[in-house]
Amino acid sequence: MAQKTILELVDDLDGGQADETVAFALDGVDFVIDLSTDNAARLRDTLAEFVGHARRTGGRKQRGKAVVAVGAGVTNGKPDTQAVREWARSQGETVAERGRVPHALVIRFQEAHS
């Protein structure tokens, strides 16, 4: 019997379909939120004035849009952490044997397998 697992992102603001996962940080706390394209643009527009006057502390010049892939490495709506760890190691990343896999690695894994 074949099974197909589908992961559907839901916009955390309005409950509609989410198109991307947006990561941001405030007061030393990292956040991720699933948003539609319109709501992600609203968030970026809202923060743009503050970002324009802020000092960068590292990271990329511009964040790419994180899209969660449907299918590869996903079981029960959650990523297969063992598959993510193996893939991350093959990419030269250091990943612990146990514990939570960093969200950024999960996103990169899903992008690579979409």
PDB file of N, CA and C in Angstrom:
ATOM      1  N   MET A   1       0.851  -1.168   0.000  1.00  0.00           N
ATOM      2  CA  MET A   1       0.000   0.000   0.000  1.00  0.00           C
ATOM      3  C   MET A   1       0.899   1.234   0.000  1.00  0.00           C
ATOM      4  N   ALA A   2       0.615   2.158  -0.870  1.00  0.00           N
ATOM      5  CA  ALA A   2       1.375   3.401  -0.967  1.00  0.00           C
ATOM      6  C   ALA A   2       0.738   4.464  -0.089  1.00  0.00           C
ATOM      7  N   GLN A   3       1.583   5.309   0.457  1.00  0.00           N
ATOM      8  CA  GLN A   3       1.105   6.429   1.261  1.00  0.00           C
ATOM      9  C   GLN A   3       1.735   7.702   0.733  1.00  0.00           C
ATOM     10  N   LYS A   4       0.990   8.755   0.826  1.00  0.00           N
ATOM     11  CA  LYS A   4       1.493  10.064   0.426  1.00  0.00           C
ATOM     12  C   LYS A   4       1.187  11.028   1.560  1.00  0.00           C
ATOM     13  N   THR A   5       2.225  11.644   2.091  1.00  0.00           N
ATOM     14  CA  THR A   5       2.059  12.608   3.166  1.00  0.00           C
ATOM     15  C   THR A   5       2.156  14.004   2.576  1.00  0.00           C
ATOM     16  N   ILE A   6       1.186  14.824   2.873  1.00  0.00           N
ATOM     17  CA  ILE A   6       1.172  16.194   2.368  1.00  0.00           C
ATOM     18  C   ILE A   6       1.241  17.145   3.553  1.00  0.00           C
ATOM     19  N   LEU A   7       2.183  18.060   3.499  1.00  0.00           N
ATOM     20  CA  LEU A   7       2.344  19.069   4.539  1.00  0.00           C
ATOM     21  C   LEU A   7       1.773  20.373   4.002  1.00  0.00           C
ATOM     22  N   GLU A   8       0.773  20.894   4.671  1.00  0.00           N
ATOM     23  CA  GLU A   8       0.142  22.138   4.241  1.00  0.00           C
ATOM     24  C   GLU A   8       0.436  23.210   5.277  1.00  0.00           C
ATOM     25  N   LEU A   9       1.022  24.310   4.829  1.00  0.00           N
ATOM     26  CA  LEU A   9       1.300  25.421   5.733  1.00  0.00           C
ATOM     27  C   LEU A   9       0.061  26.290   5.865  1.00  0.00           C
ATOM     28  N   VAL A  10      -0.226  26.683   7.098  1.00  0.00           N
ATOM     29  CA  VAL A  10      -1.371  27.542   7.384  1.00  0.00           C
ATOM     30  C   VAL A  10      -0.844  28.877   7.884  1.00  0.00           C
ATOM     31  N   ASP A  11      -1.344  29.961   7.316  1.00  0.00           N
ATOM     32  CA  ASP A  11      -0.941  31.303   7.724  1.00  0.00           C
ATOM     33  C   ASP A  11      -1.278  31.496   9.197  1.00  0.00           C
ATOM     34  N   ASP A  12      -0.257  31.836   9.989  1.00  0.00           N
ATOM     35  CA  ASP A  12      -0.449  31.995  11.431  1.00  0.00           C
ATOM     36  C   ASP A  12      -1.289  33.214  11.789  1.00  0.00           C
ATOM     37  N   LEU A  13      -1.462  34.157  10.867  1.00  0.00           N
ATOM     38  CA  LEU A  13      -2.273  35.343  11.153  1.00  0.00           C
ATOM     39  C   LEU A  13      -3.744  35.154  10.819  1.00  0.00           C
ATOM     40  N   ASP A  14      -4.015  34.656   9.607  1.00  0.00           N
ATOM     41  CA  ASP A  14      -5.414  34.621   9.173  1.00  0.00           C
ATOM     42  C   ASP A  14      -5.973  33.229   8.896  1.00  0.00           C
ATOM     43  N   GLY A  15      -5.166  32.198   9.083  1.00  0.00           N
ATOM     44  CA  GLY A  15      -5.659  30.838   8.904  1.00  0.00           C
ATOM     45  C   GLY A  15      -5.747  30.376   7.466  1.00  0.00           C
ATOM     46  N   GLY A  16      -5.389  31.228   6.516  1.00  0.00           N
ATOM     47  CA  GLY A  16      -5.403  30.851   5.102  1.00  0.00           C
ATOM     48  C   GLY A  16      -4.162  30.043   4.750  1.00  0.00           C
ATOM     49  N   GLN A  17      -3.941  29.838   3.464  1.00  0.00           N
ATOM     50  CA  GLN A  17      -2.774  29.093   3.008  1.00  0.00           C
ATOM     51  C   GLN A  17      -1.519  29.949   3.169  1.00  0.00           C
ATOM     52  N   ALA A  18      -0.488  29.382   3.770  1.00  0.00           N
ATOM     53  CA  ALA A  18       0.790  30.075   3.919  1.00  0.00           C
ATOM     54  C   ALA A  18       1.687  29.696   2.753  1.00  0.00           C
ATOM     55  N   ASP A  19       2.468  30.656   2.285  1.00  0.00           N
ATOM     56  CA  ASP A  19       3.366  30.432   1.162  1.00  0.00           C
ATOM     57  C   ASP A  19       4.824  30.338   1.584  1.00  0.00           C
ATOM     58  N   GLU A  20       5.130  30.824   2.773  1.00  0.00           N
ATOM     59  CA  GLU A  20       6.517  30.818   3.219  1.00  0.00           C
ATOM     60  C   GLU A  20       6.600  30.875   4.735  1.00  0.00           C
ATOM     61  N   THR A  21       7.765  30.473   5.225  1.00  0.00           N
ATOM     62  CA  THR A  21       8.074  30.585   6.643  1.00  0.00           C
ATOM     63  C   THR A  21       9.073  31.725   6.781  1.00  0.00           C
ATOM     64  N   VAL A  22       8.729  32.731   7.564  1.00  0.00           N
ATOM     65  CA  VAL A  22       9.573  33.911   7.730  1.00  0.00           C
ATOM     66  C   VAL A  22      10.238  33.837   9.099  1.00  0.00           C
ATOM     67  N   ALA A  23      11.550  34.000   9.117  1.00  0.00           N
ATOM     68  CA  ALA A  23      12.306  34.005  10.369  1.00  0.00           C
ATOM     69  C   ALA A  23      12.699  35.443  10.698  1.00  0.00           C
ATOM     70  N   PHE A  24      12.604  35.790  11.975  1.00  0.00           N
ATOM     71  CA  PHE A  24      13.050  37.110  12.416  1.00  0.00           C
ATOM     72  C   PHE A  24      13.429  37.017  13.887  1.00  0.00           C
ATOM     73  N   ALA A  25      14.095  38.045  14.389  1.00  0.00           N
ATOM     74  CA  ALA A  25      14.525  38.058  15.785  1.00  0.00           C
ATOM     75  C   ALA A  25      14.217  39.416  16.389  1.00  0.00           C
ATOM     76  N   LEU A  26      13.919  39.412  17.675  1.00  0.00           N
ATOM     77  CA  LEU A  26      13.652  40.642  18.408  1.00  0.00           C
ATOM     78  C   LEU A  26      14.061  40.431  19.853  1.00  0.00           C
ATOM     79  N   ASP A  27      14.828  41.359  20.393  1.00  0.00           N
ATOM     80  CA  ASP A  27      15.280  41.295  21.782  1.00  0.00           C
ATOM     81  C   ASP A  27      15.980  39.978  22.100  1.00  0.00           C
ATOM     82  N   GLY A  28      16.779  39.493  21.144  1.00  0.00           N
ATOM     83  CA  GLY A  28      17.552  38.281  21.364  1.00  0.00           C
ATOM     84  C   GLY A  28      16.771  36.987  21.235  1.00  0.00           C
ATOM     85  N   VAL A  29      15.524  37.066  20.822  1.00  0.00           N
ATOM     86  CA  VAL A  29      14.691  35.874  20.668  1.00  0.00           C
ATOM     87  C   VAL A  29      14.413  35.669  19.181  1.00  0.00           C
ATOM     88  N   ASP A  30      14.687  34.456  18.689  1.00  0.00           N
ATOM     89  CA  ASP A  30      14.416  34.121  17.294  1.00  0.00           C
ATOM     90  C   ASP A  30      12.987  33.623  17.154  1.00  0.00           C
ATOM     91  N   PHE A  31      12.339  34.038  16.077  1.00  0.00           N
ATOM     92  CA  PHE A  31      10.962  33.639  15.802  1.00  0.00           C
ATOM     93  C   PHE A  31      10.863  33.130  14.370  1.00  0.00           C
ATOM     94  N   VAL A  32       9.913  32.252  14.112  1.00  0.00           N
ATOM     95  CA  VAL A  32       9.521  31.886  12.755  1.00  0.00           C
ATOM     96  C   VAL A  32       8.007  31.934  12.705  1.00  0.00           C
ATOM     97  N   ILE A  33       7.480  32.353  11.568  1.00  0.00           N
ATOM     98  CA  ILE A  33       6.036  32.453  11.403  1.00  0.00           C
ATOM     99  C   ILE A  33       5.698  32.064   9.966  1.00  0.00           C
ATOM    100  N   ASP A  34       4.654  31.275   9.812  1.00  0.00           N
ATOM    101  CA  ASP A  34       4.189  30.877   8.490  1.00  0.00           C
ATOM    102  C   ASP A  34       3.192  31.921   8.002  1.00  0.00           C
ATOM    103  N   LEU A  35       3.447  32.464   6.800  1.00  0.00           N
ATOM    104  CA  LEU A  35       2.622  33.557   6.284  1.00  0.00           C
ATOM    105  C   LEU A  35       2.342  33.394   4.798  1.00  0.00           C
ATOM    106  N   SER A  36       1.239  33.978   4.370  1.00  0.00           N
ATOM    107  CA  SER A  36       0.958  34.091   2.936  1.00  0.00           C
ATOM    108  C   SER A  36       1.925  35.122   2.360  1.00  0.00           C
ATOM    109  N   THR A  37       2.008  35.173   1.052  1.00  0.00           N
ATOM    110  CA  THR A  37       2.880  36.156   0.403  1.00  0.00           C
ATOM    111  C   THR A  37       2.498  37.577   0.814  1.00  0.00           C
ATOM    112  N   ASP A  38       1.194  37.861   0.862  1.00  0.00           N
ATOM    113  CA  ASP A  38       0.733  39.204   1.238  1.00  0.00           C
ATOM    114  C   ASP A  38       1.090  39.543   2.682  1.00  0.00           C
ATOM    115  N   ASN A  39       0.857  38.617   3.608  1.00  0.00           N
ATOM    116  CA  ASN A  39       1.161  38.887   5.013  1.00  0.00           C
ATOM    117  C   ASN A  39       2.667  38.975   5.255  1.00  0.00           C
ATOM    118  N   ALA A  40       3.459  38.197   4.514  1.00  0.00           N
ATOM    119  CA  ALA A  40       4.916  38.297   4.635  1.00  0.00           C
ATOM    120  C   ALA A  40       5.381  39.671   4.161  1.00  0.00           C
ATOM    121  N   ALA A  41       4.789  40.157   3.083  1.00  0.00           N
ATOM    122  CA  ALA A  41       5.129  41.498   2.588  1.00  0.00           C
ATOM    123  C   ALA A  41       4.738  42.558   3.608  1.00  0.00           C
ATOM    124  N   ARG A  42       3.571  42.388   4.245  1.00  0.00           N
ATOM    125  CA  ARG A  42       3.141  43.335   5.287  1.00  0.00           C
ATOM    126  C   ARG A  42       4.146  43.365   6.436  1.00  0.00           C
ATOM    127  N   LEU A  43       4.611  42.179   6.865  1.00  0.00           N
ATOM    128  CA  LEU A  43       5.589  42.117   7.956  1.00  0.00           C
ATOM    129  C   LEU A  43       6.872  42.827   7.543  1.00  0.00           C
ATOM    130  N   ARG A  44       7.364  42.526   6.346  1.00  0.00           N
ATOM    131  CA  ARG A  44       8.605  43.159   5.880  1.00  0.00           C
ATOM    132  C   ARG A  44       8.443  44.670   5.737  1.00  0.00           C
ATOM    133  N   ASP A  45       7.298  45.109   5.216  1.00  0.00           N
ATOM    134  CA  ASP A  45       7.042  46.547   5.076  1.00  0.00           C
ATOM    135  C   ASP A  45       6.980  47.231   6.438  1.00  0.00           C
ATOM    136  N   THR A  46       6.348  46.575   7.407  1.00  0.00           N
ATOM    137  CA  THR A  46       6.225  47.139   8.753  1.00  0.00           C
ATOM    138  C   THR A  46       7.597  47.306   9.402  1.00  0.00           C
ATOM    139  N   LEU A  47       8.476  46.328   9.196  1.00  0.00           N
ATOM    140  CA  LEU A  47       9.800  46.375   9.819  1.00  0.00           C
ATOM    141  C   LEU A  47      10.812  47.200   9.022  1.00  0.00           C
ATOM    142  N   ALA A  48      10.506  47.516   7.774  1.00  0.00           N
ATOM    143  CA  ALA A  48      11.470  48.162   6.879  1.00  0.00           C
ATOM    144  C   ALA A  48      12.035  49.464   7.443  1.00  0.00           C
ATOM    145  N   GLU A  49      11.196  50.306   8.015  1.00  0.00           N
ATOM    146  CA  GLU A  49      11.677  51.579   8.562  1.00  0.00           C
ATOM    147  C   GLU A  49      12.692  51.338   9.678  1.00  0.00           C
ATOM    148  N   PHE A  50      12.399  50.387  10.557  1.00  0.00           N
ATOM    149  CA  PHE A  50      13.303  50.095  11.668  1.00  0.00           C
ATOM    150  C   PHE A  50      14.592  49.447  11.167  1.00  0.00           C
ATOM    151  N   VAL A  51      14.471  48.525  10.224  1.00  0.00           N
ATOM    152  CA  VAL A  51      15.642  47.853   9.666  1.00  0.00           C
ATOM    153  C   VAL A  51      16.547  48.867   8.967  1.00  0.00           C
ATOM    154  N   GLY A  52      15.942  49.843   8.307  1.00  0.00           N
ATOM    155  CA  GLY A  52      16.711  50.866   7.609  1.00  0.00           C
ATOM    156  C   GLY A  52      17.577  51.711   8.526  1.00  0.00           C
ATOM    157  N   HIS A  53      17.232  51.788   9.791  1.00  0.00           N
ATOM    158  CA  HIS A  53      17.995  52.583  10.757  1.00  0.00           C
ATOM    159  C   HIS A  53      18.805  51.719  11.716  1.00  0.00           C
ATOM    160  N   ALA A  54      18.702  50.414  11.584  1.00  0.00           N
ATOM    161  CA  ALA A  54      19.368  49.498  12.520  1.00  0.00           C
ATOM    162  C   ALA A  54      20.788  49.171  12.058  1.00  0.00           C
ATOM    163  N   ARG A  55      21.589  48.635  12.979  1.00  0.00           N
ATOM    164  CA  ARG A  55      22.929  48.145  12.670  1.00  0.00           C
ATOM    165  C   ARG A  55      22.848  46.636  12.489  1.00  0.00           C
ATOM    166  N   ARG A  56      23.492  46.130  11.437  1.00  0.00           N
ATOM    167  CA  ARG A  56      23.538  44.683  11.216  1.00  0.00           C
ATOM    168  C   ARG A  56      24.538  44.048  12.164  1.00  0.00           C
ATOM    169  N   THR A  57      24.229  42.858  12.606  1.00  0.00           N
ATOM    170  CA  THR A  57      25.156  42.132  13.472  1.00  0.00           C
ATOM    171  C   THR A  57      25.633  40.847  12.829  1.00  0.00           C
ATOM    172  N   GLY A  58      25.261  40.591  11.606  1.00  0.00           N
ATOM    173  CA  GLY A  58      25.689  39.374  10.907  1.00  0.00           C
ATOM    174  C   GLY A  58      24.581  38.847  10.029  1.00  0.00           C
ATOM    175  N   GLY A  59      24.824  37.681   9.487  1.00  0.00           N
ATOM    176  CA  GLY A  59      23.817  37.052   8.640  1.00  0.00           C
ATOM    177  C   GLY A  59      23.909  37.521   7.205  1.00  0.00           C
ATOM    178  N   ARG A  60      23.010  37.011   6.403  1.00  0.00           N
ATOM    179  CA  ARG A  60      22.975  37.357   4.985  1.00  0.00           C
ATOM    180  C   ARG A  60      22.477  38.782   4.801  1.00  0.00           C
ATOM    181  N   LYS A  61      22.810  39.354   3.651  1.00  0.00           N
ATOM    182  CA  LYS A  61      22.322  40.696   3.355  1.00  0.00           C
ATOM    183  C   LYS A  61      20.822  40.686   3.140  1.00  0.00           C
ATOM    184  N   GLN A  62      20.311  39.618   2.558  1.00  0.00           N
ATOM    185  CA  GLN A  62      18.872  39.524   2.349  1.00  0.00           C
ATOM    186  C   GLN A  62      18.462  38.080   2.554  1.00  0.00           C
ATOM    187  N   ARG A  63      17.448  37.883   3.341  1.00  0.00           N
ATOM    188  CA  ARG A  63      16.962  36.528   3.580  1.00  0.00           C
ATOM    189  C   ARG A  63      16.194  36.043   2.368  1.00  0.00           C
ATOM    190  N   GLY A  64      16.471  34.803   2.003  1.00  0.00           N
ATOM    191  CA  GLY A  64      15.689  34.175   0.950  1.00  0.00           C
ATOM    192  C   GLY A  64      14.352  33.748   1.518  1.00  0.00           C
ATOM    193  N   LYS A  65      13.413  33.525   0.640  1.00  0.00           N
ATOM    194  CA  LYS A  65      12.106  33.063   1.097  1.00  0.00           C
ATOM    195  C   LYS A  65      12.197  31.579   1.391  1.00  0.00           C
ATOM    196  N   ALA A  66      11.882  31.210   2.587  1.00  0.00           N
ATOM    197  CA  ALA A  66      11.909  29.808   2.975  1.00  0.00           C
ATOM    198  C   ALA A  66      10.588  29.158   2.596  1.00  0.00           C
ATOM    199  N   VAL A  67      10.696  28.122   1.802  1.00  0.00           N
ATOM    200  CA  VAL A  67       9.497  27.408   1.381  1.00  0.00           C
ATOM    201  C   VAL A  67       9.605  25.983   1.876  1.00  0.00           C
ATOM    202  N   VAL A  68       8.575  25.503   2.506  1.00  0.00           N
ATOM    203  CA  VAL A  68       8.581  24.146   3.012  1.00  0.00           C
ATOM    204  C   VAL A  68       8.148  23.216   1.899  1.00  0.00           C
ATOM    205  N   ALA A  69       8.966  22.212   1.636  1.00  0.00           N
ATOM    206  CA  ALA A  69       8.669  21.265   0.573  1.00  0.00           C
ATOM    207  C   ALA A  69       7.647  20.243   1.030  1.00  0.00           C
ATOM    208  N   VAL A  70       6.893  19.760   0.085  1.00  0.00           N
ATOM    209  CA  VAL A  70       5.935  18.701   0.360  1.00  0.00           C
ATOM    210  C   VAL A  70       6.580  17.403  -0.070  1.00  0.00           C
ATOM    211  N   GLY A  71       6.593  16.433   0.788  1.00  0.00           N
ATOM    212  CA  GLY A  71       7.077  15.110   0.398  1.00  0.00           C
ATOM    213  C   GLY A  71       8.365  14.729   1.079  1.00  0.00           C
ATOM    214  N   ALA A  72       9.482  14.857   0.388  1.00  0.00           N
ATOM    215  CA  ALA A  72      10.757  14.299   0.809  1.00  0.00           C
ATOM    216  C   ALA A  72      11.104  14.597   2.255  1.00  0.00           C
ATOM    217  N   GLY A  73      11.407  13.544   2.995  1.00  0.00           N
ATOM    218  CA  GLY A  73      11.852  13.698   4.367  1.00  0.00           C
ATOM    219  C   GLY A  73      10.785  14.129   5.337  1.00  0.00           C
ATOM    220  N   VAL A  74       9.521  13.987   4.984  1.00  0.00           N
ATOM    221  CA  VAL A  74       8.445  14.415   5.867  1.00  0.00           C
ATOM    222  C   VAL A  74       7.576  13.215   6.211  1.00  0.00           C
ATOM    223  N   THR A  75       7.358  13.004   7.505  1.00  0.00           N
ATOM    224  CA  THR A  75       6.458  11.946   7.948  1.00  0.00           C
ATOM    225  C   THR A  75       5.525  12.530   8.988  1.00  0.00           C
ATOM    226  N   ASN A  76       4.272  12.218   8.888  1.00  0.00           N
ATOM    227  CA  ASN A  76       3.273  12.720   9.836  1.00  0.00           C
ATOM    228  C   ASN A  76       3.313  14.235   9.968  1.00  0.00           C
ATOM    229  N   GLY A  77       3.638  14.932   8.877  1.00  0.00           N
ATOM    230  CA  GLY A  77       3.669  16.381   8.900  1.00  0.00           C
ATOM    231  C   GLY A  77       4.915  16.970   9.530  1.00  0.00           C
ATOM    232  N   LYS A  78       5.835  16.100   9.967  1.00  0.00           N
ATOM    233  CA  LYS A  78       7.078  16.565  10.583  1.00  0.00           C
ATOM    234  C   LYS A  78       8.251  16.041   9.768  1.00  0.00           C
ATOM    235  N   PRO A  79       9.352  16.801   9.705  1.00  0.00           N
ATOM    236  CA  PRO A  79      10.501  16.329   8.947  1.00  0.00           C
ATOM    237  C   PRO A  79      11.132  15.107   9.615  1.00  0.00           C
ATOM    238  N   ASP A  80      11.667  14.202   8.803  1.00  0.00           N
ATOM    239  CA  ASP A  80      12.396  13.041   9.298  1.00  0.00           C
ATOM    240  C   ASP A  80      13.762  13.547   9.757  1.00  0.00           C
ATOM    241  N   THR A  81      13.935  13.685  11.057  1.00  0.00           N
ATOM    242  CA  THR A  81      15.155  14.310  11.577  1.00  0.00           C
ATOM    243  C   THR A  81      16.408  13.531  11.211  1.00  0.00           C
ATOM    244  N   GLN A  82      16.315  12.204  11.125  1.00  0.00           N
ATOM    245  CA  GLN A  82      17.491  11.422  10.746  1.00  0.00           C
ATOM    246  C   GLN A  82      17.912  11.757   9.321  1.00  0.00           C
ATOM    247  N   ALA A  83      16.937  11.879   8.421  1.00  0.00           N
ATOM    248  CA  ALA A  83      17.245  12.238   7.034  1.00  0.00           C
ATOM    249  C   ALA A  83      17.841  13.645   6.964  1.00  0.00           C
ATOM    250  N   VAL A  84      17.302  14.560   7.762  1.00  0.00           N
ATOM    251  CA  VAL A  84      17.829  15.931   7.791  1.00  0.00           C
ATOM    252  C   VAL A  84      19.260  15.923   8.301  1.00  0.00           C
ATOM    253  N   ARG A  85      19.524  15.172   9.384  1.00  0.00           N
ATOM    254  CA  ARG A  85      20.883  15.101   9.944  1.00  0.00           C
ATOM    255  C   ARG A  85      21.875  14.544   8.916  1.00  0.00           C
ATOM    256  N   GLU A  86      21.497  13.439   8.250  1.00  0.00           N
ATOM    257  CA  GLU A  86      22.390  12.830   7.260  1.00  0.00           C
ATOM    258  C   GLU A  86      22.671  13.802   6.119  1.00  0.00           C
ATOM    259  N   TRP A  87      21.623  14.468   5.641  1.00  0.00           N
ATOM    260  CA  TRP A  87      21.805  15.427   4.561  1.00  0.00           C
ATOM    261  C   TRP A  87      22.711  16.577   5.016  1.00  0.00           C
ATOM    262  N   ALA A  88      22.456  17.110   6.220  1.00  0.00           N
ATOM    263  CA  ALA A  88      23.245  18.241   6.731  1.00  0.00           C
ATOM    264  C   ALA A  88      24.722  17.865   6.834  1.00  0.00           C
ATOM    265  N   ARG A  89      24.998  16.657   7.327  1.00  0.00           N
ATOM    266  CA  ARG A  89      26.395  16.209   7.425  1.00  0.00           C
ATOM    267  C   ARG A  89      27.030  16.110   6.040  1.00  0.00           C
ATOM    268  N   SER A  90      26.258  15.644   5.052  1.00  0.00           N
ATOM    269  CA  SER A  90      26.798  15.540   3.689  1.00  0.00           C
ATOM    270  C   SER A  90      27.104  16.921   3.105  1.00  0.00           C
ATOM    271  N   GLN A  91      26.491  17.966   3.683  1.00  0.00           N
ATOM    272  CA  GLN A  91      26.723  19.343   3.249  1.00  0.00           C
ATOM    273  C   GLN A  91      27.813  20.027   4.072  1.00  0.00           C
ATOM    274  N   GLY A  92      28.464  19.256   4.967  1.00  0.00           N
ATOM    275  CA  GLY A  92      29.541  19.803   5.777  1.00  0.00           C
ATOM    276  C   GLY A  92      29.094  20.474   7.061  1.00  0.00           C
ATOM    277  N   GLU A  93      27.829  20.348   7.407  1.00  0.00           N
ATOM    278  CA  GLU A  93      27.306  20.944   8.639  1.00  0.00           C
ATOM    279  C   GLU A  93      27.583  20.020   9.822  1.00  0.00           C
ATOM    280  N   THR A  94      27.766  20.585  10.991  1.00  0.00           N
ATOM    281  CA  THR A  94      27.910  19.813  12.218  1.00  0.00           C
ATOM    282  C   THR A  94      26.551  19.754  12.894  1.00  0.00           C
ATOM    283  N   VAL A  95      26.059  18.528  13.092  1.00  0.00           N
ATOM    284  CA  VAL A  95      24.737  18.335  13.680  1.00  0.00           C
ATOM    285  C   VAL A  95      24.854  17.316  14.800  1.00  0.00           C
ATOM    286  N   ALA A  96      24.248  17.613  15.938  1.00  0.00           N
ATOM    287  CA  ALA A  96      24.272  16.696  17.077  1.00  0.00           C
ATOM    288  C   ALA A  96      23.504  15.418  16.750  1.00  0.00           C
ATOM    289  N   GLU A  97      23.893  14.319  17.400  1.00  0.00           N
ATOM    290  CA  GLU A  97      23.212  13.037  17.208  1.00  0.00           C
ATOM    291  C   GLU A  97      21.788  13.067  17.749  1.00  0.00           C
ATOM    292  N   ARG A  98      21.575  13.838  18.793  1.00  0.00           N
ATOM    293  CA  ARG A  98      20.264  13.891  19.442  1.00  0.00           C
ATOM    294  C   ARG A  98      19.854  15.336  19.632  1.00  0.00           C
ATOM    295  N   GLY A  99      18.589  15.516  19.952  1.00  0.00           N
ATOM    296  CA  GLY A  99      18.084  16.856  20.220  1.00  0.00           C
ATOM    297  C   GLY A  99      17.462  17.480  18.988  1.00  0.00           C
ATOM    298  N   ARG A 100      17.073  18.708  19.145  1.00  0.00           N
ATOM    299  CA  ARG A 100      16.367  19.427  18.088  1.00  0.00           C
ATOM    300  C   ARG A 100      17.315  19.813  16.961  1.00  0.00           C
ATOM    301  N   VAL A 101      16.848  19.634  15.748  1.00  0.00           N
ATOM    302  CA  VAL A 101      17.611  20.048  14.569  1.00  0.00           C
ATOM    303  C   VAL A 101      17.270  21.514  14.308  1.00  0.00           C
ATOM    304  N   PRO A 102      18.277  22.371  14.098  1.00  0.00           N
ATOM    305  CA  PRO A 102      17.990  23.786  13.849  1.00  0.00           C
ATOM    306  C   PRO A 102      17.014  23.972  12.686  1.00  0.00           C
ATOM    307  N   HIS A 103      16.063  24.862  12.877  1.00  0.00           N
ATOM    308  CA  HIS A 103      15.014  25.103  11.879  1.00  0.00           C
ATOM    309  C   HIS A 103      15.606  25.493  10.526  1.00  0.00           C
ATOM    310  N   ALA A 104      16.665  26.276  10.543  1.00  0.00           N
ATOM    311  CA  ALA A 104      17.288  26.705   9.285  1.00  0.00           C
ATOM    312  C   ALA A 104      17.779  25.501   8.479  1.00  0.00           C
ATOM    313  N   LEU A 105      18.305  24.472   9.159  1.00  0.00           N
ATOM    314  CA  LEU A 105      18.751  23.267   8.458  1.00  0.00           C
ATOM    315  C   LEU A 105      17.570  22.495   7.891  1.00  0.00           C
ATOM    316  N   VAL A 106      16.481  22.438   8.634  1.00  0.00           N
ATOM    317  CA  VAL A 106      15.284  21.748   8.144  1.00  0.00           C
ATOM    318  C   VAL A 106      14.786  22.432   6.874  1.00  0.00           C
ATOM    319  N   ILE A 107      14.741  23.756   6.890  1.00  0.00           N
ATOM    320  CA  ILE A 107      14.284  24.510   5.721  1.00  0.00           C
ATOM    321  C   ILE A 107      15.209  24.255   4.533  1.00  0.00           C
ATOM    322  N   ARG A 108      16.530  24.302   4.758  1.00  0.00           N
ATOM    323  CA  ARG A 108      17.478  24.053   3.667  1.00  0.00           C
ATOM    324  C   ARG A 108      17.312  22.641   3.113  1.00  0.00           C
ATOM    325  N   PHE A 109      17.102  21.667   4.006  1.00  0.00           N
ATOM    326  CA  PHE A 109      16.862  20.284   3.589  1.00  0.00           C
ATOM    327  C   PHE A 109      15.624  20.209   2.698  1.00  0.00           C
ATOM    328  N   GLN A 110      14.562  20.849   3.144  1.00  0.00           N
ATOM    329  CA  GLN A 110      13.314  20.798   2.386  1.00  0.00           C
ATOM    330  C   GLN A 110      13.445  21.509   1.044  1.00  0.00           C
ATOM    331  N   GLU A 111      14.176  22.617   1.008  1.00  0.00           N
ATOM    332  CA  GLU A 111      14.402  23.315  -0.261  1.00  0.00           C
ATOM    333  C   GLU A 111      15.208  22.444  -1.221  1.00  0.00           C
ATOM    334  N   ALA A 112      16.197  21.723  -0.678  1.00  0.00           N
ATOM    335  CA  ALA A 112      17.043  20.870  -1.516  1.00  0.00           C
ATOM    336  C   ALA A 112      16.288  19.668  -2.058  1.00  0.00           C
ATOM    337  N   HIS A 113      15.218  19.288  -1.389  1.00  0.00           N
ATOM    338  CA  HIS A 113      14.473  18.097  -1.791  1.00  0.00           C
ATOM    339  C   HIS A 113      13.115  18.420  -2.397  1.00  0.00           C
ATOM    340  N   SER A 114      12.914  19.660  -2.800  1.00  0.00           N
ATOM    341  CA  SER A 114      11.617  20.007  -3.412  1.00  0.00           C
ATOM    342  C   SER A 114      11.710  19.958  -4.919  1.00  0.00           C
TER     343      SER A 114
END
